[in-house]
Amino acid sequence: MIPIEAQAKVRAMTLSKRGKVCVYNMHPNSCLDWQVYKQTGNTMFVDGAERHLDASLEAFVNEGRLAIEFGGFDVKMGKMVRHFTILGARDDSCWSRG
């Protein structure tokens, strides 16, 4: 997962604080790992894609098997401390496209 460090604009909202992570980061990063693996044959990229998937499932799929859109992490503890949505109905709801 790539933290939202600089800027991520969603619905004219800017998120730029350390510790904010978005589920949208899963797909492009995994595609990049798989593409590099196809070009190089280096299995390190497969391992990275699998670890990224496992971490994303753990962080962004809740107990009810619903997807969470954004997570706020305690960067020292490495744990999600809250989840929220911009495109969903409420912060305690699921991500509608998830």
C-alpha atoms as a PDB file:
ATOM      1  CA  MET A   1       0.000   0.000   0.000  1.00  0.00           C
ATOM      2  CA  ILE A   2       1.232   3.457  -0.791  1.00  0.00           C
ATOM      3  CA  PRO A   3       0.489   6.110   1.820  1.00  0.00           C
ATOM      4  CA  ILE A   4      -1.175   9.257   0.608  1.00  0.00           C
ATOM      5  CA  GLU A   5       1.664  11.678   1.216  1.00  0.00           C
ATOM      6  CA  ALA A   6       1.506  14.511  -1.278  1.00  0.00           C
ATOM      7  CA  GLN A   7      -2.027  14.831  -2.597  1.00  0.00           C
ATOM      8  CA  ALA A   8      -4.930  12.625  -3.562  1.00  0.00           C
ATOM      9  CA  LYS A   9      -7.983  14.480  -4.777  1.00  0.00           C
ATOM     10  CA  VAL A  10     -11.310  12.750  -4.525  1.00  0.00           C
ATOM     11  CA  ARG A  11     -14.498  14.739  -4.981  1.00  0.00           C
ATOM     12  CA  ALA A  12     -12.528  17.964  -4.595  1.00  0.00           C
ATOM     13  CA  MET A  13     -11.233  16.837  -1.203  1.00  0.00           C
ATOM     14  CA  THR A  14      -7.508  16.771  -0.567  1.00  0.00           C
ATOM     15  CA  LEU A  15      -5.928  14.191   1.717  1.00  0.00           C
ATOM     16  CA  SER A  16      -2.316  14.885   2.468  1.00  0.00           C
ATOM     17  CA  LYS A  17      -1.459  13.649   5.928  1.00  0.00           C
ATOM     18  CA  ARG A  18       0.909  10.849   6.763  1.00  0.00           C
ATOM     19  CA  GLY A  19      -0.846   7.659   7.760  1.00  0.00           C
ATOM     20  CA  LYS A  20      -3.731   7.865   5.272  1.00  0.00           C
ATOM     21  CA  VAL A  21      -3.989   4.914   2.897  1.00  0.00           C
ATOM     22  CA  CYS A  22      -6.541   4.205   0.190  1.00  0.00           C
ATOM     23  CA  VAL A  23      -7.722   0.832  -1.107  1.00  0.00           C
ATOM     24  CA  TYR A  24      -7.450   2.196  -4.669  1.00  0.00           C
ATOM     25  CA  ASN A  25      -3.681   1.758  -4.396  1.00  0.00           C
ATOM     26  CA  MET A  26      -4.008  -2.024  -4.516  1.00  0.00           C
ATOM     27  CA  HIS A  27      -4.725  -2.465  -8.209  1.00  0.00           C
ATOM     28  CA  PRO A  28      -2.121  -0.255  -9.931  1.00  0.00           C
ATOM     29  CA  ASN A  29       0.677  -1.412  -7.655  1.00  0.00           C
ATOM     30  CA  SER A  30      -0.134  -5.087  -8.172  1.00  0.00           C
ATOM     31  CA  CYS A  31      -0.368  -4.616 -11.933  1.00  0.00           C
ATOM     32  CA  LEU A  32       3.071  -3.050 -11.913  1.00  0.00           C
ATOM     33  CA  ASP A  33       4.556  -5.974  -9.957  1.00  0.00           C
ATOM     34  CA  TRP A  34       3.036  -8.528 -12.326  1.00  0.00           C
ATOM     35  CA  GLN A  35       4.135  -6.620 -15.437  1.00  0.00           C
ATOM     36  CA  VAL A  36       7.725  -6.365 -14.201  1.00  0.00           C
ATOM     37  CA  TYR A  37       7.669 -10.075 -13.338  1.00  0.00           C
ATOM     38  CA  LYS A  38       6.495 -10.905 -16.874  1.00  0.00           C
ATOM     39  CA  GLN A  39       9.314  -8.837 -18.340  1.00  0.00           C
ATOM     40  CA  THR A  40      12.103 -10.004 -16.037  1.00  0.00           C
ATOM     41  CA  GLY A  41      11.032 -13.411 -14.732  1.00  0.00           C
ATOM     42  CA  ASN A  42      12.198 -12.283 -11.277  1.00  0.00           C
ATOM     43  CA  THR A  43       9.910 -13.964  -8.715  1.00  0.00           C
ATOM     44  CA  MET A  44      10.692 -11.217  -6.195  1.00  0.00           C
ATOM     45  CA  PHE A  45       7.927  -9.219  -7.909  1.00  0.00           C
ATOM     46  CA  VAL A  46       5.419 -12.078  -7.526  1.00  0.00           C
ATOM     47  CA  ASP A  47       6.274 -12.244  -3.817  1.00  0.00           C
ATOM     48  CA  GLY A  48       5.789  -8.483  -3.537  1.00  0.00           C
ATOM     49  CA  ALA A  49       2.406  -8.635  -5.279  1.00  0.00           C
ATOM     50  CA  GLU A  50       1.257 -11.458  -2.998  1.00  0.00           C
ATOM     51  CA  ARG A  51       2.389  -9.638   0.154  1.00  0.00           C
ATOM     52  CA  HIS A  52       0.647  -6.486  -1.064  1.00  0.00           C
ATOM     53  CA  LEU A  53      -2.580  -8.425  -1.647  1.00  0.00           C
ATOM     54  CA  ASP A  54      -2.415 -10.069   1.784  1.00  0.00           C
ATOM     55  CA  ALA A  55      -1.774  -6.728   3.520  1.00  0.00           C
ATOM     56  CA  SER A  56      -4.588  -5.058   1.582  1.00  0.00           C
ATOM     57  CA  LEU A  57      -7.076  -7.810   2.420  1.00  0.00           C
ATOM     58  CA  GLU A  58      -6.138  -7.601   6.083  1.00  0.00           C
ATOM     59  CA  ALA A  59      -6.410  -3.811   6.195  1.00  0.00           C
ATOM     60  CA  PHE A  60      -9.339  -3.125   3.875  1.00  0.00           C
ATOM     61  CA  VAL A  61     -11.786  -6.009   4.309  1.00  0.00           C
ATOM     62  CA  ASN A  62     -13.660  -5.863   7.597  1.00  0.00           C
ATOM     63  CA  GLU A  63     -15.203  -8.662   9.685  1.00  0.00           C
ATOM     64  CA  GLY A  64     -18.399  -8.515   7.635  1.00  0.00           C
ATOM     65  CA  ARG A  65     -16.328  -9.084   4.459  1.00  0.00           C
ATOM     66  CA  LEU A  66     -17.078  -5.563   3.256  1.00  0.00           C
ATOM     67  CA  ALA A  67     -14.454  -3.327   1.702  1.00  0.00           C
ATOM     68  CA  ILE A  68     -13.229  -0.187   3.444  1.00  0.00           C
ATOM     69  CA  GLU A  69     -12.285   2.768   1.225  1.00  0.00           C
ATOM     70  CA  PHE A  70      -9.754   4.730   3.309  1.00  0.00           C
ATOM     71  CA  GLY A  71      -7.758   3.862   6.382  1.00  0.00           C
ATOM     72  CA  GLY A  72      -6.036   6.019   8.932  1.00  0.00           C
ATOM     73  CA  PHE A  73      -2.964   4.267  10.301  1.00  0.00           C
ATOM     74  CA  ASP A  74      -0.872   4.791  13.384  1.00  0.00           C
ATOM     75  CA  VAL A  75       2.452   4.784  11.542  1.00  0.00           C
ATOM     76  CA  LYS A  76       4.442   3.896  14.667  1.00  0.00           C
ATOM     77  CA  MET A  77       2.265   0.879  15.492  1.00  0.00           C
ATOM     78  CA  GLY A  78       1.619  -0.061  11.855  1.00  0.00           C
ATOM     79  CA  LYS A  79      -2.074  -0.575  12.584  1.00  0.00           C
ATOM     80  CA  MET A  80      -5.249   0.899  11.172  1.00  0.00           C
ATOM     81  CA  VAL A  81      -6.870   3.064  13.834  1.00  0.00           C
ATOM     82  CA  ARG A  82      -9.897   4.228  11.861  1.00  0.00           C
ATOM     83  CA  HIS A  83     -11.575   3.826   8.540  1.00  0.00           C
ATOM     84  CA  PHE A  84     -13.589   6.300   6.579  1.00  0.00           C
ATOM     85  CA  THR A  85     -15.149   6.862   3.193  1.00  0.00           C
ATOM     86  CA  ILE A  86     -15.514   9.689   0.745  1.00  0.00           C
ATOM     87  CA  LEU A  87     -17.503   7.842  -1.911  1.00  0.00           C
ATOM     88  CA  GLY A  88     -19.588   5.742   0.477  1.00  0.00           C
ATOM     89  CA  ALA A  89     -22.686   6.688   2.435  1.00  0.00           C
ATOM     90  CA  ARG A  90     -21.087   7.015   5.897  1.00  0.00           C
ATOM     91  CA  ASP A  91     -17.763   6.254   7.545  1.00  0.00           C
ATOM     92  CA  ASP A  92     -19.231   3.105   9.096  1.00  0.00           C
ATOM     93  CA  SER A  93     -20.556   1.888   5.741  1.00  0.00           C
ATOM     94  CA  CYS A  94     -18.704  -0.126   3.140  1.00  0.00           C
ATOM     95  CA  TRP A  95     -17.016   1.156   0.033  1.00  0.00           C
ATOM     96  CA  SER A  96     -19.772   0.913  -2.562  1.00  0.00           C
ATOM     97  CA  ARG A  97     -17.526  -0.241  -5.430  1.00  0.00           C
ATOM     98  CA  GLY A  98     -15.647  -2.678  -3.186  1.00  0.00           C
END
